[in-house]
C-alpha cells in the first residue's frame, strides 16, 4: 500500500497500479504538549479540513511537501499554527504565494517534493509558535540515528485523522537498504531522499502527515513524502532530504 503521506494505498499489481495517497498521520505516537513543537503547522482547506503538515521557517515562510499544494488555489488553503489540537483554534494565516521546487513534477511526485508557502501576514514567535532549525547544505545523518516525526495524520491506515498533534520516534534507515527494498517494487530512492522507520514496531507517519517534519536534534532533516504502506517495519517512510535543498530554500525564502 503506498502512502504518500499522502499514503500509498494497497496495490493489487505492484508498481504501475500503485497509487500515491498523499495525506498521512502518526501511528503509535504520543501526545505533543503545548509549545513542544512550536513550528508544526496544519495545512487546511478554508472549511478547516486538515490535509497536510508543515514547519515554520520564519515569520513569513512555511516549508512543506510540494505534493500537498500541487494544483491547489491560494484561496482554498490556510495554515494553522500554535496549536496541538484541531478542535481548538490556533493562529490562522492566508497564503500569498506557493513556491514549489522548479524540478518538482506532479506526475513524478516522488522526487523534489518540497515547497515553500509565503504567508500574507507574519507569524510572531511566542510560547506556541517558533521557527524550525535547518541543517547545513548536504549535511549527512548517520544510519540508526533517532528522529522524531509529528503530525495530525491517521493513527492507523483504516482510521480517520487525529484531532491532536502526535509524535513518534523513528530511526534513520541505511540508504542502501532503503534503495534495495524499494527496488523490489520498482520504486527508486534518490540521494535527495532520507528514509526512516522503526524496524521493530509499526510506528510513524501515515495518511495526513505529508509535509510534516522529521527532526534530529531539533533540526529539520526531512519532510514526510511517501511510503509503501503506513509505518511498516520493512518498508521505511521516504522523506525529502532537507539538507539537499538548503541553497534553494535560502534563495527562495526571502
C-alpha atoms as a PDB file:
ATOM      1  CA  UNK A   1       0.000   0.000   0.000  1.00  0.00           C
ATOM      2  CA  UNK A   2       1.557   3.205  -0.991  1.00  0.00           C
ATOM      3  CA  UNK A   3       1.267   6.153   1.274  1.00  0.00           C
ATOM      4  CA  UNK A   4       2.323   9.494   0.182  1.00  0.00           C
ATOM      5  CA  UNK A   5       1.802  10.762   3.181  1.00  0.00           C
ATOM      6  CA  UNK A   6      -0.376  11.073   1.250  1.00  0.00           C
ATOM      7  CA  UNK A   7      -0.328   7.334   1.844  1.00  0.00           C
ATOM      8  CA  UNK A   8       0.425   4.586  -0.553  1.00  0.00           C
ATOM      9  CA  UNK A   9      -2.753   2.602  -0.993  1.00  0.00           C
ATOM     10  CA  UNK A  10      -2.791  -1.160  -1.239  1.00  0.00           C
ATOM     11  CA  UNK A  11      -1.897  -2.325  -4.674  1.00  0.00           C
ATOM     12  CA  UNK A  12      -3.123  -5.385  -6.431  1.00  0.00           C
ATOM     13  CA  UNK A  13      -0.444  -5.135  -9.037  1.00  0.00           C
ATOM     14  CA  UNK A  14       2.801  -3.698  -7.730  1.00  0.00           C
ATOM     15  CA  UNK A  15       4.356  -0.658  -9.317  1.00  0.00           C
ATOM     16  CA  UNK A  16       2.191   0.642 -12.151  1.00  0.00           C
ATOM     17  CA  UNK A  17      -1.050   0.206 -10.254  1.00  0.00           C
ATOM     18  CA  UNK A  18       0.451   1.665  -7.084  1.00  0.00           C
ATOM     19  CA  UNK A  19      -1.260   4.916  -6.220  1.00  0.00           C
ATOM     20  CA  UNK A  20       0.161   7.697  -4.096  1.00  0.00           C
ATOM     21  CA  UNK A  21      -2.304   8.766  -1.481  1.00  0.00           C
ATOM     22  CA  UNK A  22      -0.975  11.961  -0.105  1.00  0.00           C
ATOM     23  CA  UNK A  23      -2.129  12.528   3.493  1.00  0.00           C
ATOM     24  CA  UNK A  24      -0.661  10.700   6.490  1.00  0.00           C
ATOM     25  CA  UNK A  25      -0.995  10.522  10.290  1.00  0.00           C
ATOM     26  CA  UNK A  26       1.092   9.363  13.220  1.00  0.00           C
ATOM     27  CA  UNK A  27       0.760   5.675  14.165  1.00  0.00           C
ATOM     28  CA  UNK A  28       1.571   4.502  17.713  1.00  0.00           C
ATOM     29  CA  UNK A  29       2.506   8.037  18.678  1.00  0.00           C
ATOM     30  CA  UNK A  30       2.314  10.146  21.818  1.00  0.00           C
ATOM     31  CA  UNK A  31       0.539  13.421  22.542  1.00  0.00           C
ATOM     32  CA  UNK A  32       2.553  16.586  21.970  1.00  0.00           C
ATOM     33  CA  UNK A  33       2.494  19.122  24.792  1.00  0.00           C
ATOM     34  CA  UNK A  34       1.599  22.767  24.021  1.00  0.00           C
ATOM     35  CA  UNK A  35       4.712  24.572  22.829  1.00  0.00           C
ATOM     36  CA  UNK A  36       6.743  21.356  22.480  1.00  0.00           C
ATOM     37  CA  UNK A  37       6.877  21.506  18.669  1.00  0.00           C
ATOM     38  CA  UNK A  38       6.112  25.191  18.083  1.00  0.00           C
ATOM     39  CA  UNK A  39       7.000  25.142  14.382  1.00  0.00           C
ATOM     40  CA  UNK A  40       4.446  22.461  13.452  1.00  0.00           C
ATOM     41  CA  UNK A  41       1.536  23.721  11.349  1.00  0.00           C
ATOM     42  CA  UNK A  42      -1.588  22.214   9.882  1.00  0.00           C
ATOM     43  CA  UNK A  43      -2.445  22.877   6.234  1.00  0.00           C
ATOM     44  CA  UNK A  44      -6.203  23.152   5.952  1.00  0.00           C
ATOM     45  CA  UNK A  45      -8.918  23.905   3.464  1.00  0.00           C
ATOM     46  CA  UNK A  46     -10.999  27.010   4.005  1.00  0.00           C
ATOM     47  CA  UNK A  47     -13.618  24.868   5.740  1.00  0.00           C
ATOM     48  CA  UNK A  48     -10.925  23.747   8.236  1.00  0.00           C
ATOM     49  CA  UNK A  49     -10.230  20.241   6.928  1.00  0.00           C
ATOM     50  CA  UNK A  50      -6.652  19.209   7.742  1.00  0.00           C
ATOM     51  CA  UNK A  51      -4.841  17.628   4.787  1.00  0.00           C
ATOM     52  CA  UNK A  52      -1.084  18.044   5.363  1.00  0.00           C
ATOM     53  CA  UNK A  53       1.586  19.246   7.765  1.00  0.00           C
ATOM     54  CA  UNK A  54       4.401  21.743   7.546  1.00  0.00           C
ATOM     55  CA  UNK A  55       7.017  23.633   9.549  1.00  0.00           C
ATOM     56  CA  UNK A  56       7.521  27.343  10.186  1.00  0.00           C
ATOM     57  CA  UNK A  57      10.803  28.620   8.761  1.00  0.00           C
ATOM     58  CA  UNK A  58      10.377  32.301   9.587  1.00  0.00           C
ATOM     59  CA  UNK A  59       7.676  34.900  10.160  1.00  0.00           C
ATOM     60  CA  UNK A  60       6.549  34.723   6.535  1.00  0.00           C
ATOM     61  CA  UNK A  61       7.507  31.217   5.359  1.00  0.00           C
ATOM     62  CA  UNK A  62       6.340  27.654   5.934  1.00  0.00           C
ATOM     63  CA  UNK A  63       8.017  24.588   4.399  1.00  0.00           C
ATOM     64  CA  UNK A  64       6.017  21.547   3.304  1.00  0.00           C
ATOM     65  CA  UNK A  65       5.851  18.840   0.633  1.00  0.00           C
ATOM     66  CA  UNK A  66       5.127  20.018  -2.900  1.00  0.00           C
ATOM     67  CA  UNK A  67       2.559  17.275  -3.446  1.00  0.00           C
ATOM     68  CA  UNK A  68       0.491  18.807  -0.640  1.00  0.00           C
ATOM     69  CA  UNK A  69      -0.054  22.039  -2.550  1.00  0.00           C
ATOM     70  CA  UNK A  70       0.278  20.983  -6.186  1.00  0.00           C
ATOM     71  CA  UNK A  71      -2.548  22.382  -8.320  1.00  0.00           C
ATOM     72  CA  UNK A  72      -4.227  23.962  -5.293  1.00  0.00           C
ATOM     73  CA  UNK A  73      -5.524  27.528  -5.357  1.00  0.00           C
ATOM     74  CA  UNK A  74      -4.260  30.028  -2.814  1.00  0.00           C
ATOM     75  CA  UNK A  75      -7.805  30.969  -1.895  1.00  0.00           C
ATOM     76  CA  UNK A  76      -8.608  27.369  -0.988  1.00  0.00           C
ATOM     77  CA  UNK A  77      -5.951  26.965   1.731  1.00  0.00           C
ATOM     78  CA  UNK A  78      -4.848  28.351   5.061  1.00  0.00           C
ATOM     79  CA  UNK A  79      -2.198  27.355   7.569  1.00  0.00           C
ATOM     80  CA  UNK A  80      -2.969  26.960  11.261  1.00  0.00           C
ATOM     81  CA  UNK A  81      -0.123  27.405  13.756  1.00  0.00           C
ATOM     82  CA  UNK A  82       0.324  27.487  17.505  1.00  0.00           C
ATOM     83  CA  UNK A  83      -1.971  24.637  18.477  1.00  0.00           C
ATOM     84  CA  UNK A  84      -1.733  20.938  19.340  1.00  0.00           C
ATOM     85  CA  UNK A  85      -5.474  20.416  18.862  1.00  0.00           C
ATOM     86  CA  UNK A  86      -7.545  20.836  15.729  1.00  0.00           C
ATOM     87  CA  UNK A  87     -10.569  21.258  17.982  1.00  0.00           C
ATOM     88  CA  UNK A  88      -9.159  24.450  19.491  1.00  0.00           C
ATOM     89  CA  UNK A  89      -8.476  27.444  17.300  1.00  0.00           C
ATOM     90  CA  UNK A  90      -4.881  28.276  16.528  1.00  0.00           C
ATOM     91  CA  UNK A  91      -3.327  31.175  14.654  1.00  0.00           C
ATOM     92  CA  UNK A  92      -4.620  31.195  11.084  1.00  0.00           C
ATOM     93  CA  UNK A  93      -2.824  32.702   8.126  1.00  0.00           C
ATOM     94  CA  UNK A  94      -3.730  33.052   4.472  1.00  0.00           C
ATOM     95  CA  UNK A  95      -1.133  32.069   1.881  1.00  0.00           C
ATOM     96  CA  UNK A  96       0.219  34.694  -0.501  1.00  0.00           C
ATOM     97  CA  UNK A  97       2.407  32.500  -2.706  1.00  0.00           C
ATOM     98  CA  UNK A  98       3.244  28.835  -3.313  1.00  0.00           C
ATOM     99  CA  UNK A  99       6.865  28.214  -4.334  1.00  0.00           C
ATOM    100  CA  UNK A 100       7.323  24.605  -5.403  1.00  0.00           C
ATOM    101  CA  UNK A 101      10.738  23.348  -6.430  1.00  0.00           C
ATOM    102  CA  UNK A 102      11.229  24.103 -10.115  1.00  0.00           C
ATOM    103  CA  UNK A 103      12.044  20.445 -10.823  1.00  0.00           C
ATOM    104  CA  UNK A 104       9.031  19.061  -8.997  1.00  0.00           C
ATOM    105  CA  UNK A 105       6.708  17.187 -11.333  1.00  0.00           C
ATOM    106  CA  UNK A 106       3.226  16.270 -10.025  1.00  0.00           C
ATOM    107  CA  UNK A 107       3.303  13.266 -12.365  1.00  0.00           C
ATOM    108  CA  UNK A 108       6.527  12.069 -10.741  1.00  0.00           C
ATOM    109  CA  UNK A 109       5.937  13.361  -7.224  1.00  0.00           C
ATOM    110  CA  UNK A 110       8.459  11.006  -5.631  1.00  0.00           C
ATOM    111  CA  UNK A 111      11.333  13.459  -6.135  1.00  0.00           C
ATOM    112  CA  UNK A 112      11.935  17.163  -5.388  1.00  0.00           C
ATOM    113  CA  UNK A 113       8.866  17.005  -3.171  1.00  0.00           C
ATOM    114  CA  UNK A 114       9.422  20.324  -1.432  1.00  0.00           C
ATOM    115  CA  UNK A 115       7.620  23.659  -1.401  1.00  0.00           C
ATOM    116  CA  UNK A 116       7.592  26.980   0.434  1.00  0.00           C
ATOM    117  CA  UNK A 117       4.456  28.852   1.404  1.00  0.00           C
ATOM    118  CA  UNK A 118       4.753  32.622   1.717  1.00  0.00           C
ATOM    119  CA  UNK A 119       2.199  33.934   4.181  1.00  0.00           C
ATOM    120  CA  UNK A 120       0.072  37.029   3.735  1.00  0.00           C
ATOM    121  CA  UNK A 121       0.725  38.156   7.316  1.00  0.00           C
ATOM    122  CA  UNK A 122       3.618  37.256   9.644  1.00  0.00           C
ATOM    123  CA  UNK A 123       3.639  34.693  12.437  1.00  0.00           C
ATOM    124  CA  UNK A 124       5.045  36.241  15.586  1.00  0.00           C
ATOM    125  CA  UNK A 125       7.119  33.978  17.872  1.00  0.00           C
ATOM    126  CA  UNK A 126       5.535  33.013  21.184  1.00  0.00           C
ATOM    127  CA  UNK A 127       5.437  30.030  23.524  1.00  0.00           C
ATOM    128  CA  UNK A 128       3.356  28.147  20.959  1.00  0.00           C
ATOM    129  CA  UNK A 129       4.886  29.496  17.739  1.00  0.00           C
ATOM    130  CA  UNK A 130       8.557  29.180  16.819  1.00  0.00           C
ATOM    131  CA  UNK A 131      10.904  28.632  13.877  1.00  0.00           C
ATOM    132  CA  UNK A 132      12.455  25.317  12.894  1.00  0.00           C
ATOM    133  CA  UNK A 133      16.238  24.949  12.598  1.00  0.00           C
ATOM    134  CA  UNK A 134      17.661  23.938   9.218  1.00  0.00           C
ATOM    135  CA  UNK A 135      20.655  21.642   8.654  1.00  0.00           C
ATOM    136  CA  UNK A 136      23.708  22.631   6.628  1.00  0.00           C
ATOM    137  CA  UNK A 137      23.712  22.067   2.884  1.00  0.00           C
ATOM    138  CA  UNK A 138      24.340  18.350   2.177  1.00  0.00           C
ATOM    139  CA  UNK A 139      24.723  17.528   5.879  1.00  0.00           C
ATOM    140  CA  UNK A 140      24.708  13.759   6.418  1.00  0.00           C
ATOM    141  CA  UNK A 141      22.662  11.995   9.109  1.00  0.00           C
ATOM    142  CA  UNK A 142      24.044   8.648  10.207  1.00  0.00           C
ATOM    143  CA  UNK A 143      22.133   5.380   9.913  1.00  0.00           C
ATOM    144  CA  UNK A 144      20.382   4.439  13.149  1.00  0.00           C
ATOM    145  CA  UNK A 145      20.069   7.998  14.446  1.00  0.00           C
ATOM    146  CA  UNK A 146      16.865   8.553  16.416  1.00  0.00           C
ATOM    147  CA  UNK A 147      14.461  11.022  14.831  1.00  0.00           C
ATOM    148  CA  UNK A 148      11.057  12.446  15.673  1.00  0.00           C
ATOM    149  CA  UNK A 149       8.141  12.693  13.270  1.00  0.00           C
ATOM    150  CA  UNK A 150       4.938  14.543  14.128  1.00  0.00           C
ATOM    151  CA  UNK A 151       1.560  15.336  12.654  1.00  0.00           C
ATOM    152  CA  UNK A 152      -2.217  15.301  12.805  1.00  0.00           C
ATOM    153  CA  UNK A 153      -2.470  12.301  10.455  1.00  0.00           C
ATOM    154  CA  UNK A 154      -4.164   8.955  10.819  1.00  0.00           C
ATOM    155  CA  UNK A 155      -3.405   6.743  13.797  1.00  0.00           C
ATOM    156  CA  UNK A 156      -3.912   3.645  11.627  1.00  0.00           C
ATOM    157  CA  UNK A 157      -4.344   3.038   7.914  1.00  0.00           C
ATOM    158  CA  UNK A 158      -8.083   2.447   8.346  1.00  0.00           C
ATOM    159  CA  UNK A 159      -8.835   5.189  10.890  1.00  0.00           C
ATOM    160  CA  UNK A 160      -9.809   8.801  10.470  1.00  0.00           C
ATOM    161  CA  UNK A 161      -7.346  11.559  11.312  1.00  0.00           C
ATOM    162  CA  UNK A 162      -6.273  12.624  14.764  1.00  0.00           C
ATOM    163  CA  UNK A 163      -7.621  15.832  16.253  1.00  0.00           C
ATOM    164  CA  UNK A 164      -4.469  16.073  18.355  1.00  0.00           C
ATOM    165  CA  UNK A 165      -0.844  16.559  17.378  1.00  0.00           C
ATOM    166  CA  UNK A 166       1.093  13.325  17.885  1.00  0.00           C
ATOM    167  CA  UNK A 167       4.782  12.466  17.767  1.00  0.00           C
ATOM    168  CA  UNK A 168       6.748   9.250  17.358  1.00  0.00           C
ATOM    169  CA  UNK A 169      10.378   8.185  17.466  1.00  0.00           C
ATOM    170  CA  UNK A 170      11.742   6.524  14.338  1.00  0.00           C
ATOM    171  CA  UNK A 171      15.270   5.743  13.158  1.00  0.00           C
ATOM    172  CA  UNK A 172      17.214   6.818  10.090  1.00  0.00           C
ATOM    173  CA  UNK A 173      17.445   3.875   7.705  1.00  0.00           C
ATOM    174  CA  UNK A 174      20.564   2.756   5.891  1.00  0.00           C
ATOM    175  CA  UNK A 175      20.278   4.363   2.439  1.00  0.00           C
ATOM    176  CA  UNK A 176      21.337   1.221   0.580  1.00  0.00           C
ATOM    177  CA  UNK A 177      18.739  -0.856   2.424  1.00  0.00           C
ATOM    178  CA  UNK A 178      16.070   1.689   1.520  1.00  0.00           C
ATOM    179  CA  UNK A 179      17.150   1.638  -2.120  1.00  0.00           C
ATOM    180  CA  UNK A 180      17.182  -2.158  -2.265  1.00  0.00           C
ATOM    181  CA  UNK A 181      13.820  -2.728  -0.573  1.00  0.00           C
ATOM    182  CA  UNK A 182      12.043  -0.212  -2.815  1.00  0.00           C
ATOM    183  CA  UNK A 183      13.777  -1.564  -5.884  1.00  0.00           C
ATOM    184  CA  UNK A 184      11.820  -4.763  -5.255  1.00  0.00           C
ATOM    185  CA  UNK A 185       8.604  -2.918  -6.070  1.00  0.00           C
ATOM    186  CA  UNK A 186      10.217  -0.894  -8.858  1.00  0.00           C
ATOM    187  CA  UNK A 187      10.378   2.376  -6.954  1.00  0.00           C
ATOM    188  CA  UNK A 188      13.589   4.410  -6.961  1.00  0.00           C
ATOM    189  CA  UNK A 189      15.272   6.052  -3.968  1.00  0.00           C
ATOM    190  CA  UNK A 190      17.359   9.142  -4.767  1.00  0.00           C
ATOM    191  CA  UNK A 191      20.173  10.754  -2.804  1.00  0.00           C
ATOM    192  CA  UNK A 192      17.731  13.598  -2.098  1.00  0.00           C
ATOM    193  CA  UNK A 193      15.621  11.156  -0.072  1.00  0.00           C
ATOM    194  CA  UNK A 194      16.114  10.196   3.563  1.00  0.00           C
ATOM    195  CA  UNK A 195      14.331   7.123   4.898  1.00  0.00           C
ATOM    196  CA  UNK A 196      13.218   6.367   8.439  1.00  0.00           C
ATOM    197  CA  UNK A 197      11.079   3.898  10.375  1.00  0.00           C
ATOM    198  CA  UNK A 198      11.072   1.652  13.414  1.00  0.00           C
ATOM    199  CA  UNK A 199      12.184  -1.816  12.252  1.00  0.00           C
ATOM    200  CA  UNK A 200      10.603  -3.481  15.287  1.00  0.00           C
ATOM    201  CA  UNK A 201       7.119  -1.967  15.502  1.00  0.00           C
ATOM    202  CA  UNK A 202       4.718  -0.114  13.218  1.00  0.00           C
ATOM    203  CA  UNK A 203       5.313   3.464  14.310  1.00  0.00           C
ATOM    204  CA  UNK A 204       5.461   6.764  12.466  1.00  0.00           C
ATOM    205  CA  UNK A 205       3.660   8.737   9.805  1.00  0.00           C
ATOM    206  CA  UNK A 206       0.537   7.816   7.895  1.00  0.00           C
ATOM    207  CA  UNK A 207      -2.082   9.445   5.698  1.00  0.00           C
ATOM    208  CA  UNK A 208      -2.325  13.164   6.566  1.00  0.00           C
ATOM    209  CA  UNK A 209       1.213  13.665   7.878  1.00  0.00           C
ATOM    210  CA  UNK A 210       2.681  14.594   4.490  1.00  0.00           C
ATOM    211  CA  UNK A 211       4.876  17.682   4.520  1.00  0.00           C
ATOM    212  CA  UNK A 212       5.412  17.424   8.257  1.00  0.00           C
ATOM    213  CA  UNK A 213       8.796  17.492   9.984  1.00  0.00           C
ATOM    214  CA  UNK A 214      11.320  14.725  10.545  1.00  0.00           C
ATOM    215  CA  UNK A 215      13.564  16.092  13.287  1.00  0.00           C
ATOM    216  CA  UNK A 216      17.010  15.060  14.527  1.00  0.00           C
ATOM    217  CA  UNK A 217      18.482  17.015  17.443  1.00  0.00           C
ATOM    218  CA  UNK A 218      15.859  19.741  16.893  1.00  0.00           C
ATOM    219  CA  UNK A 219      16.962  20.136  13.274  1.00  0.00           C
ATOM    220  CA  UNK A 220      14.674  19.617  10.275  1.00  0.00           C
ATOM    221  CA  UNK A 221      16.243  16.756   8.325  1.00  0.00           C
ATOM    222  CA  UNK A 222      13.223  15.536   6.352  1.00  0.00           C
ATOM    223  CA  UNK A 223       9.725  16.257   5.068  1.00  0.00           C
ATOM    224  CA  UNK A 224       7.238  13.376   5.115  1.00  0.00           C
ATOM    225  CA  UNK A 225       6.765  12.442   1.457  1.00  0.00           C
ATOM    226  CA  UNK A 226       5.720   8.881   0.547  1.00  0.00           C
ATOM    227  CA  UNK A 227       5.893   5.226   1.544  1.00  0.00           C
ATOM    228  CA  UNK A 228       4.791   1.722   0.759  1.00  0.00           C
ATOM    229  CA  UNK A 229       2.040   1.434   3.346  1.00  0.00           C
ATOM    230  CA  UNK A 230       1.860   3.246   6.668  1.00  0.00           C
ATOM    231  CA  UNK A 231       4.839   2.959   9.026  1.00  0.00           C
ATOM    232  CA  UNK A 232       5.817  -0.566   8.030  1.00  0.00           C
ATOM    233  CA  UNK A 233       8.730  -2.305   9.748  1.00  0.00           C
ATOM    234  CA  UNK A 234      10.258  -3.469   6.451  1.00  0.00           C
ATOM    235  CA  UNK A 235       9.458  -0.544   4.132  1.00  0.00           C
ATOM    236  CA  UNK A 236      10.689   2.751   5.625  1.00  0.00           C
ATOM    237  CA  UNK A 237       8.872   6.011   5.051  1.00  0.00           C
ATOM    238  CA  UNK A 238      10.616   8.151   2.440  1.00  0.00           C
ATOM    239  CA  UNK A 239      11.221  11.816   3.247  1.00  0.00           C
ATOM    240  CA  UNK A 240      12.537  14.720   1.223  1.00  0.00           C
ATOM    241  CA  UNK A 241      16.108  15.213   2.461  1.00  0.00           C
ATOM    242  CA  UNK A 242      16.095  18.867   3.545  1.00  0.00           C
ATOM    243  CA  UNK A 243      19.890  19.226   3.553  1.00  0.00           C
ATOM    244  CA  UNK A 244      19.862  18.667  -0.225  1.00  0.00           C
ATOM    245  CA  UNK A 245      17.785  21.823  -0.693  1.00  0.00           C
ATOM    246  CA  UNK A 246      19.282  24.381   1.725  1.00  0.00           C
ATOM    247  CA  UNK A 247      20.647  26.600  -1.047  1.00  0.00           C
ATOM    248  CA  UNK A 248      17.252  26.514  -2.785  1.00  0.00           C
ATOM    249  CA  UNK A 249      15.441  27.353   0.466  1.00  0.00           C
ATOM    250  CA  UNK A 250      17.727  30.296   1.212  1.00  0.00           C
ATOM    251  CA  UNK A 251      17.332  31.597  -2.327  1.00  0.00           C
ATOM    252  CA  UNK A 252      13.538  31.461  -2.268  1.00  0.00           C
ATOM    253  CA  UNK A 253      12.533  32.132   1.361  1.00  0.00           C
ATOM    254  CA  UNK A 254      13.361  35.844   1.228  1.00  0.00           C
END
